[in-house]
N, C-alpha and C. Protein backbone atom coordinates (compact mmCIF):
# COMPACT_ATOMS: atom_id res chain seq x y z
N UNK A 1 56.69 8.89 -61.51
CA UNK A 1 57.36 9.71 -60.42
C UNK A 1 56.82 9.31 -59.06
N UNK A 2 57.69 8.73 -58.30
CA UNK A 2 57.32 8.40 -56.81
C UNK A 2 58.19 9.24 -55.80
N UNK A 3 57.53 9.43 -54.58
CA UNK A 3 58.56 10.03 -53.60
C UNK A 3 59.80 9.22 -53.26
N UNK A 4 60.80 9.92 -52.81
CA UNK A 4 62.07 9.33 -52.44
C UNK A 4 61.76 8.97 -50.98
N UNK A 5 60.93 7.69 -50.92
CA UNK A 5 60.69 7.11 -49.64
C UNK A 5 60.43 5.80 -49.61
N UNK A 6 60.70 5.07 -48.72
CA UNK A 6 60.71 3.53 -48.57
C UNK A 6 59.27 3.10 -48.96
N UNK A 7 58.39 3.70 -48.82
CA UNK A 7 56.97 3.04 -49.16
C UNK A 7 56.85 3.25 -50.70
N UNK A 8 57.60 3.89 -51.40
CA UNK A 8 57.60 3.79 -52.71
C UNK A 8 57.74 2.55 -53.41
N UNK A 9 58.64 1.92 -52.81
CA UNK A 9 58.91 0.40 -53.11
C UNK A 9 57.76 -0.44 -53.33
N UNK A 10 56.79 -0.61 -52.33
CA UNK A 10 55.50 -1.40 -52.46
C UNK A 10 54.63 -0.99 -53.34
N UNK A 11 54.62 0.32 -53.56
CA UNK A 11 53.80 1.10 -54.57
C UNK A 11 54.16 0.58 -56.16
N UNK A 12 55.41 0.76 -56.31
CA UNK A 12 55.96 0.30 -57.60
C UNK A 12 55.79 -1.26 -57.93
N UNK A 13 56.19 -1.86 -56.82
CA UNK A 13 55.95 -3.42 -57.02
C UNK A 13 54.44 -3.75 -57.30
N UNK A 14 53.60 -3.09 -56.61
CA UNK A 14 52.05 -3.47 -57.03
C UNK A 14 51.65 -2.90 -58.23
N UNK A 15 52.11 -1.89 -58.60
CA UNK A 15 51.64 -1.21 -60.04
C UNK A 15 52.45 -2.17 -61.08
N UNK A 16 53.56 -2.51 -60.94
CA UNK A 16 54.15 -3.30 -61.83
C UNK A 16 53.63 -4.73 -61.93
N UNK A 17 53.28 -5.47 -61.04
CA UNK A 17 52.73 -6.64 -60.72
C UNK A 17 51.42 -6.81 -61.58
N UNK A 18 50.62 -5.68 -61.15
CA UNK A 18 49.27 -5.63 -61.73
C UNK A 18 49.16 -5.33 -63.19
N UNK A 19 50.15 -4.68 -63.56
CA UNK A 19 50.28 -4.45 -65.07
C UNK A 19 50.49 -5.62 -65.85
N UNK A 20 51.64 -6.28 -65.32
CA UNK A 20 51.96 -7.46 -65.97
C UNK A 20 51.15 -8.53 -66.04
N UNK A 21 50.62 -8.83 -64.94
CA UNK A 21 49.51 -9.98 -64.78
C UNK A 21 48.20 -9.65 -65.73
N UNK A 22 47.81 -8.23 -65.78
CA UNK A 22 46.80 -8.07 -66.56
C UNK A 22 47.02 -8.20 -67.92
N UNK A 23 48.38 -8.10 -68.30
CA UNK A 23 48.76 -8.37 -69.90
C UNK A 23 49.09 -9.79 -70.07
N UNK A 24 49.05 -10.75 -69.06
CA UNK A 24 49.16 -12.20 -69.30
C UNK A 24 50.60 -12.62 -69.19
N UNK A 25 51.57 -11.79 -68.30
CA UNK A 25 52.77 -12.28 -68.44
C UNK A 25 52.89 -13.46 -67.41
N UNK A 26 53.75 -14.34 -67.58
CA UNK A 26 53.79 -15.59 -66.74
C UNK A 26 54.03 -15.11 -65.19
N UNK A 27 53.52 -15.69 -64.28
CA UNK A 27 53.73 -15.48 -62.92
C UNK A 27 55.16 -15.28 -62.35
N UNK A 28 56.12 -16.23 -63.01
CA UNK A 28 57.44 -16.40 -62.51
C UNK A 28 58.06 -15.00 -62.99
N UNK A 29 57.77 -14.61 -64.07
CA UNK A 29 58.39 -13.39 -64.83
C UNK A 29 57.91 -12.22 -64.02
N UNK A 30 56.64 -12.12 -63.73
CA UNK A 30 56.09 -10.87 -62.83
C UNK A 30 56.92 -11.01 -61.55
N UNK A 31 57.26 -11.93 -60.87
CA UNK A 31 57.74 -12.14 -59.61
C UNK A 31 59.41 -11.64 -59.71
N UNK A 32 59.92 -12.15 -60.71
CA UNK A 32 61.31 -11.69 -61.24
C UNK A 32 61.34 -10.10 -61.44
N UNK A 33 60.45 -9.77 -62.23
CA UNK A 33 60.42 -8.37 -62.52
C UNK A 33 60.16 -7.44 -61.15
N UNK A 34 59.06 -7.88 -60.21
CA UNK A 34 58.96 -7.09 -59.18
C UNK A 34 60.13 -7.12 -58.17
N UNK A 35 60.89 -8.22 -58.12
CA UNK A 35 62.07 -8.20 -57.30
C UNK A 35 63.10 -7.30 -57.95
N UNK A 36 63.29 -7.10 -59.10
CA UNK A 36 64.32 -6.33 -59.69
C UNK A 36 64.09 -5.02 -59.59
N UNK A 37 62.70 -4.55 -59.70
CA UNK A 37 62.25 -3.11 -59.46
C UNK A 37 62.49 -2.84 -57.93
N UNK A 38 62.30 -3.91 -57.01
CA UNK A 38 62.46 -3.44 -55.74
C UNK A 38 63.84 -3.43 -55.33
N UNK A 39 64.71 -4.09 -55.97
CA UNK A 39 65.89 -4.01 -55.69
C UNK A 39 66.67 -2.79 -56.25
N UNK A 40 66.21 -2.29 -57.47
CA UNK A 40 66.92 -1.03 -58.19
C UNK A 40 66.33 0.22 -57.39
N UNK A 41 64.94 0.33 -56.96
CA UNK A 41 64.51 1.14 -56.39
C UNK A 41 65.05 1.38 -54.81
N UNK A 42 65.13 0.25 -54.19
CA UNK A 42 65.74 0.33 -52.93
C UNK A 42 67.17 0.86 -52.84
N UNK A 43 67.98 0.36 -54.05
CA UNK A 43 69.30 0.82 -53.86
C UNK A 43 69.20 2.53 -54.11
N UNK A 44 68.37 3.04 -55.17
CA UNK A 44 68.01 4.33 -55.27
C UNK A 44 67.90 5.17 -54.11
N UNK A 45 66.91 4.65 -53.35
CA UNK A 45 66.50 5.46 -52.01
C UNK A 45 67.59 5.28 -50.95
N UNK A 46 68.50 4.22 -50.90
CA UNK A 46 69.36 4.09 -49.92
C UNK A 46 70.73 4.85 -50.34
N UNK A 47 71.14 4.85 -51.62
CA UNK A 47 72.52 5.27 -51.83
C UNK A 47 72.52 6.64 -52.81
N UNK A 48 71.41 7.18 -53.17
CA UNK A 48 71.36 8.22 -53.92
C UNK A 48 70.53 9.35 -53.61
N UNK A 49 70.66 10.49 -54.18
CA UNK A 49 70.01 11.63 -53.95
C UNK A 49 68.69 11.48 -54.82
N UNK A 50 67.62 12.14 -54.60
CA UNK A 50 66.46 12.34 -55.23
C UNK A 50 66.74 13.00 -56.59
N UNK A 51 65.93 12.96 -57.45
CA UNK A 51 66.04 13.97 -58.66
C UNK A 51 65.63 15.36 -58.10
N UNK A 52 65.87 16.48 -59.04
CA UNK A 52 65.52 17.63 -58.50
C UNK A 52 64.14 17.92 -58.02
N UNK A 53 63.08 17.17 -58.57
CA UNK A 53 61.83 17.39 -58.19
C UNK A 53 61.54 16.85 -56.70
N UNK A 54 62.52 16.10 -56.14
CA UNK A 54 62.30 15.31 -54.86
C UNK A 54 61.84 13.87 -54.84
N UNK A 55 61.90 13.37 -56.17
CA UNK A 55 61.37 11.99 -56.39
C UNK A 55 62.11 11.30 -57.31
N UNK A 56 61.83 10.07 -57.22
CA UNK A 56 62.53 9.15 -58.06
C UNK A 56 61.63 8.66 -59.25
N UNK A 57 62.11 8.35 -60.51
CA UNK A 57 61.36 8.01 -61.81
C UNK A 57 61.45 6.35 -61.87
N UNK A 58 60.51 5.76 -61.78
CA UNK A 58 60.45 4.09 -61.90
C UNK A 58 59.52 4.03 -63.23
N UNK A 59 60.06 3.15 -64.37
CA UNK A 59 59.36 3.18 -65.37
C UNK A 59 59.53 1.75 -66.00
N UNK A 60 58.64 1.21 -66.61
CA UNK A 60 58.92 -0.15 -67.43
C UNK A 60 58.38 0.05 -68.82
N UNK A 61 58.73 -0.67 -69.81
CA UNK A 61 58.29 -0.75 -70.99
C UNK A 61 58.50 -2.28 -71.59
N UNK A 62 57.29 -2.64 -72.26
CA UNK A 62 57.33 -3.75 -72.92
C UNK A 62 57.44 -3.64 -74.38
N UNK A 63 58.41 -4.22 -74.93
CA UNK A 63 58.61 -4.32 -76.56
C UNK A 63 58.61 -5.61 -76.93
N UNK A 64 57.34 -6.11 -77.45
CA UNK A 64 57.17 -7.50 -77.68
C UNK A 64 57.35 -8.48 -76.47
N UNK A 65 58.38 -9.40 -76.64
CA UNK A 65 58.65 -10.20 -75.33
C UNK A 65 59.71 -9.60 -74.45
N UNK A 66 60.09 -8.31 -74.65
CA UNK A 66 61.27 -7.74 -73.77
C UNK A 66 60.56 -7.05 -72.79
N UNK A 67 61.04 -7.03 -71.57
CA UNK A 67 60.48 -6.13 -70.61
C UNK A 67 61.63 -5.13 -70.10
N UNK A 68 61.66 -3.96 -70.31
CA UNK A 68 62.77 -2.97 -69.66
C UNK A 68 62.25 -2.21 -68.50
N UNK A 69 63.21 -2.26 -67.46
CA UNK A 69 62.71 -1.95 -66.29
C UNK A 69 63.69 -0.74 -65.97
N UNK A 70 63.42 0.46 -65.53
CA UNK A 70 64.41 1.58 -65.19
C UNK A 70 63.93 2.27 -63.87
N UNK A 71 64.90 2.67 -63.12
CA UNK A 71 64.87 3.54 -62.24
C UNK A 71 65.81 4.75 -62.12
N UNK A 72 65.32 5.70 -61.84
CA UNK A 72 66.30 7.18 -62.19
C UNK A 72 66.41 7.79 -60.96
N UNK A 73 67.42 8.33 -60.39
CA UNK A 73 67.49 9.12 -59.24
C UNK A 73 68.56 10.13 -59.59
N UNK A 74 68.82 11.21 -58.54
CA UNK A 74 69.57 12.26 -58.69
C UNK A 74 71.21 11.92 -58.55
N UNK A 75 71.66 10.48 -58.70
CA UNK A 75 73.08 10.29 -58.45
C UNK A 75 73.34 10.27 -57.33
N UNK A 76 74.61 9.58 -57.11
CA UNK A 76 75.38 9.48 -55.93
C UNK A 76 76.89 9.66 -56.00
N UNK A 77 77.72 9.62 -55.03
CA UNK A 77 78.96 9.72 -54.83
C UNK A 77 79.72 8.75 -55.56
N UNK A 78 79.26 7.53 -55.60
CA UNK A 78 79.63 6.28 -56.35
C UNK A 78 78.86 5.79 -57.48
N UNK A 79 79.52 4.99 -58.40
CA UNK A 79 78.91 4.36 -59.43
C UNK A 79 78.01 3.28 -58.80
N UNK A 80 76.60 3.00 -59.27
CA UNK A 80 76.08 1.65 -59.02
C UNK A 80 76.97 0.48 -59.56
N UNK A 81 77.14 -0.60 -58.81
CA UNK A 81 77.96 -1.62 -58.96
C UNK A 81 77.67 -2.84 -58.23
N UNK A 82 77.88 -3.80 -58.57
CA UNK A 82 77.50 -5.39 -57.86
C UNK A 82 78.68 -5.24 -56.79
N UNK A 83 78.08 -5.60 -55.67
CA UNK A 83 78.92 -5.67 -54.32
C UNK A 83 79.43 -7.20 -54.25
N UNK A 84 80.02 -7.45 -53.35
CA UNK A 84 80.48 -8.88 -52.86
C UNK A 84 79.51 -9.66 -52.44
N UNK A 85 78.37 -9.17 -51.53
CA UNK A 85 77.37 -9.94 -51.18
C UNK A 85 77.89 -11.15 -50.51
N UNK A 86 78.52 -11.11 -49.36
CA UNK A 86 79.04 -12.37 -48.73
C UNK A 86 77.87 -12.78 -47.73
N UNK A 87 78.13 -14.11 -47.20
CA UNK A 87 76.95 -14.54 -46.40
C UNK A 87 76.75 -13.60 -45.29
N UNK A 88 77.86 -13.03 -44.77
CA UNK A 88 77.90 -12.53 -43.49
C UNK A 88 77.53 -11.08 -43.45
N UNK A 89 77.54 -10.44 -44.85
CA UNK A 89 77.19 -9.16 -44.85
C UNK A 89 75.84 -8.76 -44.87
N UNK A 90 75.54 -7.57 -44.37
CA UNK A 90 74.15 -7.22 -44.09
C UNK A 90 73.44 -6.52 -45.46
N UNK A 91 74.22 -6.35 -46.32
CA UNK A 91 73.68 -5.80 -47.84
C UNK A 91 74.75 -6.00 -48.84
N UNK A 92 74.52 -5.29 -49.83
CA UNK A 92 75.37 -5.62 -51.07
C UNK A 92 75.07 -6.54 -52.02
N UNK A 93 74.01 -7.23 -51.87
CA UNK A 93 73.30 -8.27 -52.67
C UNK A 93 72.44 -7.88 -53.73
N UNK A 94 71.89 -6.73 -53.84
CA UNK A 94 70.84 -6.14 -54.52
C UNK A 94 71.17 -6.28 -56.14
N UNK A 95 72.30 -5.75 -56.53
CA UNK A 95 72.80 -5.80 -57.80
C UNK A 95 73.07 -7.22 -58.54
N UNK A 96 73.70 -8.09 -57.46
CA UNK A 96 73.93 -9.47 -57.73
C UNK A 96 72.58 -10.11 -58.08
N UNK A 97 71.34 -9.81 -57.20
CA UNK A 97 70.13 -10.37 -57.45
C UNK A 97 69.55 -10.14 -58.87
N UNK A 98 69.72 -8.60 -59.01
CA UNK A 98 69.42 -7.91 -60.64
C UNK A 98 70.04 -8.78 -61.65
N UNK A 99 71.28 -9.12 -61.42
CA UNK A 99 72.07 -9.71 -62.37
C UNK A 99 71.79 -11.08 -62.76
N UNK A 100 71.31 -11.79 -61.40
CA UNK A 100 70.91 -13.22 -61.48
C UNK A 100 69.36 -13.33 -62.34
N UNK A 101 68.55 -12.33 -62.02
CA UNK A 101 67.20 -12.41 -62.62
C UNK A 101 67.03 -11.88 -64.00
N UNK A 102 67.80 -10.86 -64.44
CA UNK A 102 67.80 -10.46 -65.62
C UNK A 102 68.73 -10.85 -66.82
N UNK A 103 68.30 -10.43 -67.70
CA UNK A 103 69.18 -10.97 -68.93
C UNK A 103 70.35 -9.81 -69.30
N UNK A 104 70.25 -8.69 -68.65
CA UNK A 104 71.27 -7.80 -68.57
C UNK A 104 70.81 -6.71 -67.83
N UNK A 105 71.87 -5.80 -67.62
CA UNK A 105 71.40 -4.46 -66.54
C UNK A 105 72.56 -3.38 -66.96
N UNK A 106 72.33 -2.29 -66.61
CA UNK A 106 73.44 -1.30 -66.84
C UNK A 106 73.12 0.03 -66.07
N UNK A 107 74.01 0.89 -66.28
CA UNK A 107 73.92 2.22 -65.64
C UNK A 107 73.98 3.29 -66.77
N UNK A 108 73.04 4.31 -66.89
CA UNK A 108 73.00 5.55 -67.77
C UNK A 108 73.10 6.83 -66.98
N UNK A 109 74.01 7.68 -67.35
CA UNK A 109 73.97 8.90 -66.91
C UNK A 109 73.60 10.05 -67.84
N UNK A 110 72.49 10.81 -67.58
CA UNK A 110 72.24 11.80 -68.48
C UNK A 110 71.31 12.87 -67.95
N UNK A 111 71.11 14.07 -68.06
CA UNK A 111 70.58 15.25 -67.83
C UNK A 111 70.44 15.42 -66.23
N UNK A 112 71.44 15.10 -65.57
CA UNK A 112 71.53 15.07 -64.35
C UNK A 112 70.86 14.03 -63.33
N UNK A 113 70.73 12.89 -64.11
CA UNK A 113 69.88 11.83 -63.46
C UNK A 113 70.89 10.56 -63.60
N UNK A 114 70.94 9.63 -62.80
CA UNK A 114 71.26 8.34 -62.91
C UNK A 114 70.42 7.39 -63.20
N UNK A 115 70.38 6.55 -64.09
CA UNK A 115 69.24 5.39 -64.53
C UNK A 115 69.83 4.13 -64.27
N UNK A 116 69.48 3.27 -63.65
CA UNK A 116 69.86 1.94 -63.33
C UNK A 116 68.72 0.99 -64.14
N UNK A 117 69.10 0.36 -65.24
CA UNK A 117 68.01 -0.46 -65.93
C UNK A 117 68.34 -1.89 -65.96
N UNK A 118 67.31 -2.74 -66.24
CA UNK A 118 67.53 -3.87 -66.47
C UNK A 118 66.53 -4.35 -67.72
N UNK A 119 66.83 -5.54 -68.38
CA UNK A 119 65.79 -6.07 -69.21
C UNK A 119 65.83 -7.71 -69.08
N UNK A 120 64.65 -8.19 -69.13
CA UNK A 120 64.25 -9.58 -69.02
C UNK A 120 63.26 -9.83 -70.27
N UNK A 121 63.36 -11.19 -70.55
CA UNK A 121 62.38 -11.76 -71.63
C UNK A 121 61.00 -12.04 -70.62
N UNK A 122 59.92 -11.48 -71.35
CA UNK A 122 58.81 -11.41 -70.50
C UNK A 122 57.53 -11.85 -71.50
N UNK A 123 57.62 -13.35 -71.94
CA UNK A 123 56.48 -13.53 -72.88
C UNK A 123 55.21 -13.60 -72.12
N UNK A 124 54.24 -13.52 -72.96
CA UNK A 124 52.90 -13.79 -72.41
C UNK A 124 52.49 -15.25 -72.48
N UNK A 125 51.56 -15.66 -71.26
CA UNK A 125 51.16 -17.13 -71.25
C UNK A 125 50.34 -17.15 -72.31
N UNK A 126 50.19 -18.61 -72.89
CA UNK A 126 49.11 -18.91 -73.96
C UNK A 126 47.84 -18.49 -73.68
N UNK A 127 47.55 -18.68 -72.33
CA UNK A 127 46.05 -18.33 -71.85
C UNK A 127 46.00 -16.90 -71.53
N UNK A 128 46.94 -16.19 -71.47
CA UNK A 128 46.75 -14.81 -70.86
C UNK A 128 46.50 -14.50 -69.67
N UNK A 129 46.53 -15.52 -68.75
CA UNK A 129 46.36 -15.11 -67.57
C UNK A 129 47.39 -15.13 -66.50
N UNK A 130 48.63 -15.41 -67.11
CA UNK A 130 49.60 -15.08 -66.35
C UNK A 130 50.01 -16.30 -65.42
N UNK A 131 49.78 -17.47 -66.01
CA UNK A 131 49.81 -18.87 -65.80
C UNK A 131 51.55 -19.05 -65.51
N UNK A 132 51.78 -20.05 -64.52
CA UNK A 132 53.07 -20.43 -64.31
C UNK A 132 53.64 -20.95 -65.99
N UNK A 133 54.91 -20.69 -65.92
CA UNK A 133 55.73 -21.34 -67.24
C UNK A 133 55.64 -22.71 -67.12
N UNK A 134 55.46 -23.42 -68.12
CA UNK A 134 55.59 -24.64 -68.15
C UNK A 134 57.00 -25.30 -67.73
N UNK A 135 57.09 -26.37 -67.05
CA UNK A 135 58.34 -27.13 -66.68
C UNK A 135 58.96 -27.37 -67.89
N UNK A 136 60.45 -26.99 -67.99
CA UNK A 136 61.17 -27.55 -68.96
C UNK A 136 60.93 -26.60 -70.22
N UNK A 137 60.31 -25.40 -69.84
CA UNK A 137 60.18 -24.64 -71.16
C UNK A 137 61.57 -23.87 -71.45
N UNK A 138 61.88 -23.92 -72.63
CA UNK A 138 63.11 -23.52 -73.07
C UNK A 138 63.23 -21.89 -72.74
N UNK A 139 64.40 -21.53 -72.32
CA UNK A 139 64.67 -20.16 -71.93
C UNK A 139 65.08 -19.31 -73.27
N UNK A 140 64.71 -18.48 -73.68
CA UNK A 140 65.09 -17.75 -74.69
C UNK A 140 65.65 -16.43 -74.32
N UNK A 141 66.82 -16.00 -74.76
CA UNK A 141 67.56 -14.89 -74.46
C UNK A 141 67.22 -13.98 -75.47
N UNK A 142 66.89 -12.76 -75.09
CA UNK A 142 66.48 -11.68 -76.05
C UNK A 142 67.58 -11.29 -76.97
N UNK A 143 67.28 -10.64 -78.19
CA UNK A 143 68.22 -10.37 -79.07
C UNK A 143 68.91 -9.28 -78.54
N UNK A 144 70.05 -9.27 -78.18
CA UNK A 144 70.87 -8.12 -77.43
C UNK A 144 71.28 -7.17 -78.33
N UNK A 145 71.11 -7.36 -79.58
CA UNK A 145 71.48 -6.16 -80.59
C UNK A 145 70.50 -5.00 -80.32
N UNK A 146 69.27 -5.38 -79.76
CA UNK A 146 68.22 -4.25 -79.36
C UNK A 146 68.73 -3.42 -78.44
N UNK A 147 69.78 -3.81 -77.67
CA UNK A 147 70.24 -3.04 -76.31
C UNK A 147 71.69 -2.78 -76.62
N UNK A 148 72.19 -1.90 -77.38
CA UNK A 148 73.56 -1.55 -77.98
C UNK A 148 74.50 -1.41 -76.58
N UNK A 149 74.08 -0.89 -75.55
CA UNK A 149 74.89 -0.86 -74.31
C UNK A 149 75.50 -2.19 -73.85
N UNK A 150 74.61 -3.23 -73.99
CA UNK A 150 75.17 -4.49 -73.58
C UNK A 150 76.27 -4.99 -74.39
N UNK A 151 76.42 -4.44 -75.60
CA UNK A 151 77.57 -4.78 -76.30
C UNK A 151 78.70 -4.05 -76.29
N UNK A 152 78.70 -3.04 -75.29
CA UNK A 152 79.82 -2.05 -75.16
C UNK A 152 81.19 -2.92 -74.30
N UNK A 153 82.20 -2.83 -74.85
CA UNK A 153 83.48 -3.19 -74.06
C UNK A 153 83.79 -2.12 -73.10
N UNK A 154 84.26 -2.52 -71.70
CA UNK A 154 84.47 -1.92 -70.76
C UNK A 154 85.65 -0.75 -71.31
N UNK A 155 85.52 0.61 -71.00
CA UNK A 155 86.23 1.50 -71.47
C UNK A 155 85.78 2.14 -72.88
N UNK A 156 85.01 1.51 -73.51
CA UNK A 156 84.46 2.14 -74.80
C UNK A 156 83.78 3.37 -74.67
N UNK A 157 83.00 3.55 -73.51
CA UNK A 157 82.16 4.46 -73.42
C UNK A 157 82.88 6.07 -73.21
N UNK A 158 84.17 5.72 -72.65
CA UNK A 158 84.92 6.87 -72.53
C UNK A 158 85.41 7.45 -73.79
N UNK A 159 85.88 6.37 -74.80
CA UNK A 159 86.26 6.87 -76.01
C UNK A 159 85.27 7.76 -76.80
N UNK A 160 84.05 6.89 -76.60
CA UNK A 160 82.92 7.57 -77.44
C UNK A 160 82.34 8.88 -76.92
N UNK A 161 82.48 9.08 -75.42
CA UNK A 161 82.16 10.46 -75.09
C UNK A 161 83.09 11.36 -75.34
N UNK A 162 84.49 10.99 -75.45
CA UNK A 162 85.30 12.21 -75.84
C UNK A 162 85.11 12.39 -77.32
N UNK A 163 84.90 11.63 -78.18
CA UNK A 163 84.61 11.85 -79.69
C UNK A 163 83.28 12.64 -79.85
N UNK A 164 82.20 12.45 -79.22
CA UNK A 164 81.02 13.14 -79.46
C UNK A 164 80.10 13.74 -78.40
N UNK A 165 80.69 13.64 -77.22
CA UNK A 165 79.88 13.97 -76.07
C UNK A 165 78.76 13.66 -75.62
N UNK A 166 78.60 12.28 -75.69
CA UNK A 166 77.24 11.57 -75.30
C UNK A 166 77.38 11.24 -73.88
N UNK A 167 76.20 10.90 -73.36
CA UNK A 167 76.03 10.47 -72.07
C UNK A 167 76.65 9.15 -71.83
N UNK A 168 77.46 9.02 -70.52
CA UNK A 168 78.15 7.70 -70.08
C UNK A 168 76.92 6.69 -69.86
N UNK A 169 77.39 5.61 -70.36
CA UNK A 169 76.59 4.41 -70.04
C UNK A 169 77.42 3.05 -69.79
N UNK A 170 76.81 2.26 -68.96
CA UNK A 170 77.66 0.97 -68.88
C UNK A 170 76.55 -0.21 -68.71
N UNK A 171 76.92 -1.26 -69.21
CA UNK A 171 76.12 -2.19 -69.33
C UNK A 171 76.65 -3.71 -68.68
N UNK A 172 75.73 -4.49 -68.47
CA UNK A 172 76.34 -5.69 -67.64
C UNK A 172 75.55 -6.96 -68.21
N UNK A 173 76.01 -7.69 -69.14
CA UNK A 173 75.12 -8.76 -69.61
C UNK A 173 75.10 -9.78 -68.34
N UNK A 174 74.12 -10.58 -68.17
CA UNK A 174 73.81 -11.43 -67.12
C UNK A 174 74.43 -12.67 -67.57
């Protein structure tokens, strides 16, 4: 949990980077994950209300070579979505950047919170010291079956909600 304040972006980046480097994740992946967390958290601070505690929740979880990043807030009047991000615009590029760096991202609504999440492949370096990934190393896409939201077709969540009252979720494969 972090304060709903701009200073939280640097705190989250530093904690995430430190933890990933210590676990031996490639530097390039650490950089991508840090940018993703920065964008998600910046969007939450700019566009959404804090959680009832007055804070935002930032979390990450490694499952094998998959890194899940999440930022939860108190929601906003609009749904988080990728903007046009034109060259002349002053904003609107955040989720486009997330989409470019992540293997997928999505939005989940539950218990009075909106969570924007992203997943990316985060293998450990062979030396375990966060070395740079070797040039020409093959990119491996995670098994997306582990992330059922990515497999949803637009509109499916409405039918599923009506059927069993579950939380709304939308995912965007990269």
